[in-house]
N, C-alpha and C. Protein backbone atom coordinates (compact mmCIF):
# COMPACT_ATOMS: atom_id res chain seq x y z
N MET A 1 0.81 -1.21 0.01
CA MET A 1 0.00 -0.04 0.01
C MET A 1 0.85 1.24 -0.02
N GLN A 2 0.63 2.15 -0.97
CA GLN A 2 1.42 3.37 -1.03
C GLN A 2 0.99 4.33 0.09
N HIS A 3 1.99 4.95 0.69
CA HIS A 3 1.75 5.88 1.76
C HIS A 3 1.20 7.18 1.10
N MET A 4 0.17 7.72 1.71
CA MET A 4 -0.48 8.92 1.14
C MET A 4 0.38 10.05 0.96
N TYR A 5 1.49 10.19 1.79
CA TYR A 5 2.38 11.38 1.67
C TYR A 5 3.32 11.23 0.48
N LEU A 6 3.54 9.98 0.02
CA LEU A 6 4.36 9.75 -1.12
C LEU A 6 3.68 9.66 -2.42
N SER A 7 2.61 10.42 -2.60
CA SER A 7 1.88 10.44 -3.82
C SER A 7 2.65 11.28 -4.79
N SER A 8 2.49 11.03 -6.06
CA SER A 8 3.23 11.74 -7.09
C SER A 8 2.87 13.23 -7.01
N LYS A 9 1.67 13.58 -6.64
CA LYS A 9 1.21 14.95 -6.47
C LYS A 9 1.98 15.60 -5.39
N ASN A 10 2.12 15.05 -4.23
CA ASN A 10 2.91 15.66 -3.16
C ASN A 10 4.33 15.79 -3.47
N LEU A 11 4.90 14.76 -4.10
CA LEU A 11 6.36 14.88 -4.40
C LEU A 11 6.60 15.95 -5.40
N LEU A 12 5.75 16.10 -6.44
CA LEU A 12 5.95 17.09 -7.47
C LEU A 12 5.68 18.46 -6.86
N VAL A 13 4.74 18.61 -5.95
CA VAL A 13 4.49 19.90 -5.31
C VAL A 13 5.74 20.37 -4.50
N VAL A 14 6.32 19.39 -3.75
CA VAL A 14 7.49 19.72 -2.97
C VAL A 14 8.63 20.15 -3.86
N GLY A 15 8.84 19.37 -4.99
CA GLY A 15 9.87 19.68 -5.97
C GLY A 15 9.67 21.05 -6.59
N SER A 16 8.39 21.34 -6.85
CA SER A 16 8.05 22.66 -7.42
C SER A 16 8.31 23.74 -6.42
N VAL A 17 8.00 23.57 -5.23
CA VAL A 17 8.28 24.63 -4.18
C VAL A 17 9.76 24.85 -4.08
N LEU A 18 10.57 23.78 -4.13
CA LEU A 18 12.06 23.87 -4.11
C LEU A 18 12.55 24.70 -5.28
N SER A 19 11.95 24.41 -6.51
CA SER A 19 12.34 25.18 -7.69
C SER A 19 12.00 26.67 -7.52
N PHE A 20 10.84 26.92 -7.08
CA PHE A 20 10.45 28.32 -6.84
C PHE A 20 11.41 29.02 -5.83
N LEU A 21 11.82 28.33 -4.77
CA LEU A 21 12.69 28.92 -3.81
C LEU A 21 14.01 29.21 -4.42
N VAL A 22 14.53 28.35 -5.29
CA VAL A 22 15.84 28.47 -5.96
C VAL A 22 15.64 29.70 -6.92
N ALA A 23 14.48 29.83 -7.64
CA ALA A 23 14.28 31.02 -8.51
C ALA A 23 14.34 32.31 -7.62
N LEU A 24 13.73 32.32 -6.46
CA LEU A 24 13.69 33.49 -5.63
C LEU A 24 15.12 33.78 -5.16
N LEU A 25 15.88 32.78 -4.80
CA LEU A 25 17.22 33.02 -4.47
C LEU A 25 18.03 33.71 -5.61
N HIS A 26 17.78 33.31 -6.80
CA HIS A 26 18.46 33.92 -7.97
C HIS A 26 17.99 35.31 -8.16
N VAL A 27 16.76 35.63 -7.85
CA VAL A 27 16.18 37.04 -7.89
C VAL A 27 16.97 37.84 -6.96
N ALA A 28 17.22 37.32 -5.71
CA ALA A 28 17.94 38.08 -4.68
C ALA A 28 19.37 38.30 -5.19
N LEU A 29 19.93 37.42 -5.93
CA LEU A 29 21.28 37.65 -6.48
C LEU A 29 21.32 38.89 -7.43
N THR A 30 20.28 39.04 -8.16
CA THR A 30 20.25 40.18 -9.08
C THR A 30 20.09 41.44 -8.34
N ILE A 31 19.46 41.42 -7.19
CA ILE A 31 19.17 42.64 -6.41
C ILE A 31 20.42 42.93 -5.54
N ARG A 32 20.98 41.89 -4.93
CA ARG A 32 22.14 42.01 -4.13
C ARG A 32 23.33 41.24 -4.62
N PRO A 33 24.07 41.76 -5.64
CA PRO A 33 25.19 40.98 -6.24
C PRO A 33 26.23 40.54 -5.33
N LYS A 34 26.32 41.23 -4.11
CA LYS A 34 27.30 40.71 -3.16
C LYS A 34 27.11 39.27 -2.66
N LEU A 35 25.82 38.83 -2.79
CA LEU A 35 25.45 37.48 -2.46
C LEU A 35 26.18 36.49 -3.28
N TYR A 36 26.58 36.84 -4.47
CA TYR A 36 27.45 35.92 -5.34
C TYR A 36 28.63 35.37 -4.48
N ASP A 37 29.26 36.29 -3.75
CA ASP A 37 30.48 35.84 -2.98
C ASP A 37 29.99 34.86 -1.88
N TYR A 38 28.87 35.11 -1.24
CA TYR A 38 28.39 34.21 -0.19
C TYR A 38 28.10 32.78 -0.65
N PHE A 39 27.69 32.69 -1.94
CA PHE A 39 27.36 31.43 -2.53
C PHE A 39 28.48 30.82 -3.38
N GLY A 40 29.68 31.43 -3.23
CA GLY A 40 30.79 30.88 -3.85
C GLY A 40 31.07 31.23 -5.24
N ALA A 41 30.43 32.26 -5.79
CA ALA A 41 30.57 32.68 -7.15
C ALA A 41 31.22 34.08 -7.20
N SER A 42 32.44 34.15 -6.61
CA SER A 42 33.10 35.44 -6.52
C SER A 42 33.47 36.06 -7.89
N LYS A 43 33.70 35.22 -8.84
CA LYS A 43 33.96 35.75 -10.24
C LYS A 43 32.79 36.53 -10.73
N LEU A 44 31.57 36.04 -10.48
CA LEU A 44 30.39 36.78 -10.91
C LEU A 44 30.21 38.06 -10.13
N SER A 45 30.63 38.09 -8.88
CA SER A 45 30.59 39.29 -8.07
C SER A 45 31.56 40.28 -8.68
N GLU A 46 32.75 39.85 -9.01
CA GLU A 46 33.78 40.70 -9.66
C GLU A 46 33.28 41.28 -10.95
N LEU A 47 32.64 40.49 -11.79
CA LEU A 47 32.15 40.98 -13.03
C LEU A 47 31.08 42.03 -12.84
N THR A 48 30.22 41.87 -11.87
CA THR A 48 29.13 42.83 -11.52
C THR A 48 29.79 44.19 -11.05
N GLU A 49 30.79 44.00 -10.19
CA GLU A 49 31.50 45.20 -9.64
C GLU A 49 32.16 45.99 -10.83
N GLN A 50 32.51 45.31 -11.87
CA GLN A 50 33.18 45.92 -13.04
C GLN A 50 32.16 46.56 -13.95
N GLY A 51 30.89 46.37 -13.61
CA GLY A 51 29.86 47.02 -14.46
C GLY A 51 29.23 46.12 -15.54
N SER A 52 29.72 44.87 -15.50
CA SER A 52 29.18 43.90 -16.55
C SER A 52 27.74 43.58 -16.30
N SER A 53 26.93 43.57 -17.32
CA SER A 53 25.53 43.15 -17.22
C SER A 53 25.39 41.63 -17.45
N PHE A 54 26.47 40.96 -17.88
CA PHE A 54 26.48 39.54 -18.16
C PHE A 54 25.75 38.77 -16.95
N THR A 55 26.25 39.10 -15.73
CA THR A 55 25.75 38.27 -14.62
C THR A 55 24.27 38.47 -14.39
N VAL A 56 23.77 39.65 -14.60
CA VAL A 56 22.33 39.95 -14.40
C VAL A 56 21.53 39.12 -15.43
N TRP A 57 21.99 39.13 -16.67
CA TRP A 57 21.26 38.39 -17.74
C TRP A 57 21.31 36.88 -17.54
N VAL A 58 22.48 36.35 -17.19
CA VAL A 58 22.58 34.91 -16.87
C VAL A 58 21.71 34.54 -15.66
N THR A 59 21.80 35.39 -14.65
CA THR A 59 21.04 35.04 -13.45
C THR A 59 19.50 35.15 -13.72
N LEU A 60 19.07 36.15 -14.51
CA LEU A 60 17.66 36.26 -14.85
C LEU A 60 17.28 35.02 -15.74
N GLY A 61 18.11 34.55 -16.61
CA GLY A 61 17.83 33.36 -17.36
C GLY A 61 17.58 32.15 -16.44
N LEU A 62 18.43 32.09 -15.33
CA LEU A 62 18.24 31.00 -14.41
C LEU A 62 16.89 31.21 -13.58
N VAL A 63 16.61 32.39 -13.25
CA VAL A 63 15.28 32.66 -12.61
C VAL A 63 14.18 32.12 -13.45
N ILE A 64 14.16 32.47 -14.74
CA ILE A 64 13.12 32.01 -15.65
C ILE A 64 13.09 30.44 -15.69
N MET A 65 14.29 29.88 -15.83
CA MET A 65 14.38 28.35 -15.91
C MET A 65 13.78 27.73 -14.59
N PHE A 66 14.14 28.23 -13.41
CA PHE A 66 13.64 27.61 -12.19
C PHE A 66 12.26 27.82 -12.05
N PHE A 67 11.67 29.01 -12.47
CA PHE A 67 10.22 29.27 -12.41
C PHE A 67 9.48 28.24 -13.33
N VAL A 68 10.01 28.09 -14.51
CA VAL A 68 9.42 27.13 -15.48
C VAL A 68 9.38 25.73 -14.83
N TRP A 69 10.54 25.38 -14.27
CA TRP A 69 10.67 24.04 -13.55
C TRP A 69 9.53 23.93 -12.51
N GLY A 70 9.39 24.99 -11.74
CA GLY A 70 8.35 24.94 -10.70
C GLY A 70 6.99 24.72 -11.35
N PHE A 71 6.69 25.42 -12.45
CA PHE A 71 5.37 25.25 -13.12
C PHE A 71 5.24 23.85 -13.64
N TYR A 72 6.36 23.24 -14.15
CA TYR A 72 6.25 21.88 -14.61
C TYR A 72 5.95 20.97 -13.39
N GLY A 73 6.49 21.12 -12.26
CA GLY A 73 6.17 20.40 -11.11
C GLY A 73 4.63 20.49 -10.77
N LEU A 74 4.17 21.76 -10.84
CA LEU A 74 2.73 21.95 -10.64
C LEU A 74 1.85 21.27 -11.61
N SER A 75 2.34 21.30 -12.90
CA SER A 75 1.54 20.68 -13.93
C SER A 75 1.49 19.14 -13.71
N GLY A 76 2.67 18.61 -13.40
CA GLY A 76 2.73 17.09 -13.07
C GLY A 76 1.89 16.74 -11.90
N ALA A 77 1.73 17.64 -10.98
CA ALA A 77 0.89 17.39 -9.84
C ALA A 77 -0.54 17.56 -10.09
N GLY A 78 -0.90 18.10 -11.26
CA GLY A 78 -2.33 18.29 -11.68
C GLY A 78 -2.87 19.57 -11.12
N ILE A 79 -2.03 20.48 -10.64
CA ILE A 79 -2.58 21.70 -10.02
C ILE A 79 -2.88 22.76 -11.13
N ILE A 80 -2.02 22.72 -12.15
CA ILE A 80 -2.26 23.54 -13.37
C ILE A 80 -2.42 22.67 -14.59
N GLY A 81 -2.80 23.22 -15.65
CA GLY A 81 -3.02 22.41 -16.89
C GLY A 81 -1.69 21.73 -17.29
N GLN A 82 -1.87 20.70 -18.14
CA GLN A 82 -0.73 19.99 -18.56
C GLN A 82 0.14 20.73 -19.54
N LEU A 83 1.37 20.76 -19.26
CA LEU A 83 2.33 21.48 -20.12
C LEU A 83 2.97 20.45 -21.11
N PRO A 84 3.49 21.00 -22.24
CA PRO A 84 4.06 20.06 -23.23
C PRO A 84 5.21 19.24 -22.71
N LEU A 85 5.26 18.05 -23.23
CA LEU A 85 6.37 17.09 -22.92
C LEU A 85 6.51 16.90 -21.41
N LEU A 86 5.43 16.82 -20.70
CA LEU A 86 5.47 16.86 -19.22
C LEU A 86 6.28 15.75 -18.61
N ARG A 87 6.05 14.50 -18.82
CA ARG A 87 6.87 13.49 -18.14
C ARG A 87 8.31 13.59 -18.55
N LEU A 88 8.65 13.77 -19.85
CA LEU A 88 10.00 13.88 -20.25
C LEU A 88 10.69 15.00 -19.57
N THR A 89 10.01 16.16 -19.45
CA THR A 89 10.58 17.38 -18.82
C THR A 89 10.75 17.09 -17.30
N LEU A 90 9.84 16.45 -16.66
CA LEU A 90 10.00 16.15 -15.32
C LEU A 90 11.16 15.29 -15.03
N PHE A 91 11.37 14.29 -15.87
CA PHE A 91 12.58 13.41 -15.75
C PHE A 91 13.85 14.24 -15.98
N GLY A 92 13.82 15.08 -17.00
CA GLY A 92 14.96 15.91 -17.30
C GLY A 92 15.37 16.85 -16.14
N ILE A 93 14.31 17.47 -15.53
CA ILE A 93 14.55 18.33 -14.36
C ILE A 93 15.17 17.55 -13.25
N GLY A 94 14.59 16.38 -13.00
CA GLY A 94 15.16 15.55 -11.89
C GLY A 94 16.64 15.14 -12.14
N ILE A 95 16.89 14.80 -13.38
CA ILE A 95 18.28 14.39 -13.67
C ILE A 95 19.17 15.58 -13.55
N ILE A 96 18.80 16.76 -13.96
CA ILE A 96 19.69 17.91 -13.81
C ILE A 96 19.99 18.30 -12.41
N TYR A 97 18.91 18.22 -11.57
CA TYR A 97 19.11 18.41 -10.07
C TYR A 97 20.09 17.36 -9.51
N LEU A 98 19.94 16.10 -9.95
CA LEU A 98 20.78 15.06 -9.43
C LEU A 98 22.27 15.25 -9.91
N ILE A 99 22.41 15.74 -11.11
CA ILE A 99 23.79 16.06 -11.56
C ILE A 99 24.37 17.08 -10.69
N ARG A 100 23.64 18.10 -10.32
CA ARG A 100 24.15 19.20 -9.45
C ARG A 100 24.43 18.62 -8.05
N ALA A 101 23.63 17.59 -7.67
CA ALA A 101 23.78 17.05 -6.31
C ALA A 101 25.05 16.17 -6.22
N LEU A 102 25.72 15.87 -7.35
CA LEU A 102 26.95 15.13 -7.33
C LEU A 102 28.08 15.88 -6.54
N MET A 103 27.83 17.12 -6.39
CA MET A 103 28.86 17.97 -5.61
C MET A 103 28.75 17.62 -4.10
N LEU A 104 27.72 16.94 -3.67
CA LEU A 104 27.54 16.68 -2.17
C LEU A 104 28.74 16.04 -1.58
N PRO A 105 29.25 14.97 -2.04
CA PRO A 105 30.42 14.32 -1.42
C PRO A 105 31.61 15.31 -1.25
N SER A 106 31.88 16.05 -2.30
CA SER A 106 32.97 17.04 -2.25
C SER A 106 32.68 18.10 -1.27
N ASP A 107 31.41 18.61 -1.15
CA ASP A 107 31.05 19.60 -0.22
C ASP A 107 31.29 19.10 1.25
N ILE A 108 30.87 17.86 1.43
CA ILE A 108 31.01 17.28 2.82
C ILE A 108 32.48 17.15 3.18
N LEU A 109 33.29 16.68 2.22
CA LEU A 109 34.71 16.57 2.48
C LEU A 109 35.37 17.93 2.71
N LYS A 110 35.05 18.86 1.82
CA LYS A 110 35.61 20.19 2.06
C LYS A 110 35.15 20.89 3.36
N PHE A 111 33.92 20.62 3.77
CA PHE A 111 33.40 21.15 5.00
C PHE A 111 34.21 20.49 6.19
N ALA A 112 34.40 19.18 6.11
CA ALA A 112 35.23 18.43 7.13
C ALA A 112 36.63 19.00 7.23
N GLN A 113 37.14 19.52 6.12
CA GLN A 113 38.47 20.03 6.13
C GLN A 113 38.51 21.53 6.36
N HIS A 114 37.36 22.13 6.74
CA HIS A 114 37.18 23.53 7.03
C HIS A 114 37.52 24.40 5.85
N ALA A 115 37.22 23.83 4.64
CA ALA A 115 37.58 24.62 3.42
C ALA A 115 36.30 25.08 2.73
N ARG A 116 35.13 24.76 3.22
CA ARG A 116 33.91 25.13 2.66
C ARG A 116 32.86 25.23 3.71
N PRO A 117 31.99 26.27 3.62
CA PRO A 117 30.90 26.42 4.74
C PRO A 117 29.82 25.37 4.54
N PHE A 118 29.08 25.17 5.68
CA PHE A 118 28.05 24.17 5.66
C PHE A 118 26.90 24.47 4.71
N ARG A 119 26.69 25.77 4.36
CA ARG A 119 25.57 26.09 3.45
C ARG A 119 25.79 25.39 2.10
N PHE A 120 26.96 25.00 1.66
CA PHE A 120 27.18 24.31 0.46
C PHE A 120 26.62 22.84 0.52
N ILE A 121 26.68 22.24 1.68
CA ILE A 121 26.08 21.00 1.93
C ILE A 121 24.59 21.07 1.87
N ILE A 122 24.01 22.15 2.41
CA ILE A 122 22.55 22.39 2.33
C ILE A 122 22.12 22.56 0.89
N LEU A 123 22.85 23.30 0.11
CA LEU A 123 22.49 23.51 -1.32
C LEU A 123 22.58 22.23 -2.05
N SER A 124 23.59 21.46 -1.93
CA SER A 124 23.75 20.18 -2.66
C SER A 124 22.68 19.18 -2.16
N THR A 125 22.36 19.16 -0.85
CA THR A 125 21.33 18.24 -0.35
C THR A 125 19.93 18.66 -0.88
N GLY A 126 19.69 20.03 -1.01
CA GLY A 126 18.48 20.47 -1.60
C GLY A 126 18.36 19.99 -3.05
N SER A 127 19.48 20.10 -3.80
CA SER A 127 19.45 19.62 -5.19
C SER A 127 19.15 18.09 -5.26
N LEU A 128 19.74 17.31 -4.32
CA LEU A 128 19.49 15.88 -4.29
C LEU A 128 18.03 15.65 -4.03
N LEU A 129 17.46 16.32 -3.04
CA LEU A 129 16.02 16.05 -2.65
C LEU A 129 15.14 16.52 -3.87
N ALA A 130 15.42 17.70 -4.37
CA ALA A 130 14.57 18.17 -5.57
C ALA A 130 14.63 17.17 -6.72
N GLY A 131 15.79 16.68 -7.04
CA GLY A 131 15.96 15.66 -8.08
C GLY A 131 15.15 14.44 -7.80
N LEU A 132 15.21 14.00 -6.61
CA LEU A 132 14.54 12.75 -6.30
C LEU A 132 12.98 12.98 -6.23
N PHE A 133 12.60 14.17 -5.72
CA PHE A 133 11.08 14.48 -5.76
C PHE A 133 10.60 14.51 -7.21
N TYR A 134 11.29 15.11 -8.11
CA TYR A 134 10.88 15.18 -9.54
C TYR A 134 10.90 13.79 -10.20
N LEU A 135 11.95 13.08 -9.98
CA LEU A 135 12.04 11.73 -10.59
C LEU A 135 10.99 10.80 -10.06
N MET A 136 10.87 10.73 -8.73
CA MET A 136 9.93 9.85 -8.20
C MET A 136 8.44 10.27 -8.52
N GLY A 137 8.23 11.56 -8.51
CA GLY A 137 6.85 12.08 -8.93
C GLY A 137 6.56 11.69 -10.36
N ALA A 138 7.58 11.88 -11.19
CA ALA A 138 7.41 11.53 -12.70
C ALA A 138 7.22 10.05 -12.87
N LEU A 139 7.92 9.24 -12.08
CA LEU A 139 7.76 7.78 -12.19
C LEU A 139 6.42 7.35 -11.80
N MET A 140 5.87 8.04 -10.79
CA MET A 140 4.52 7.64 -10.27
C MET A 140 3.32 8.15 -10.96
N THR A 141 3.57 9.19 -11.92
CA THR A 141 2.43 9.78 -12.71
C THR A 141 1.97 8.71 -13.64
N ALA A 142 0.68 8.86 -14.05
CA ALA A 142 0.08 7.96 -14.96
C ALA A 142 0.79 8.17 -16.34
N LYS A 143 0.99 7.06 -17.06
CA LYS A 143 1.69 7.12 -18.35
C LYS A 143 0.83 7.67 -19.43
C-alpha cells in the first residue's frame, strides 16, 4: 500500500516549491550581487562590480528556468494544466538536479577540512532532494 504522503502529487508539489525557492534566491542575487560571494561565485561578483551586465542576464535566465521548472512540477501534480512534454521534462529536471547534487560528497569533504561552509552541503542536499522528488513524482504519474 502506497503511503499517502508519497503520492506523485505531493512529491511534485515539494519539488516545485524547491524550484520556486531557488528561483527566488536567484532574484535576490540580481538585487544584491554581493550574495554571489556568499554562494561561492566570486567571479560573478567581480564581473558585476566591473559593471558587466552579463551576470544579471545569466541570473535572470536562471530565474526563468527555475520558475518554469516549478510550473512543470505543478503541472505534473495536476494543479495547473498539462504542459508540453510533461513526463520527459519532469525526468529531465530531476536528472539535472541530481547532476548538481553530485557535488555533495565534495562539499562534505571540504566542510570536514574547514575549506567550505556548511551552506554548500545544504544547497547540494536540496538539489538531491529536488531531483529525487521530480524523478519519483514523474515515475509515479500515470503514463
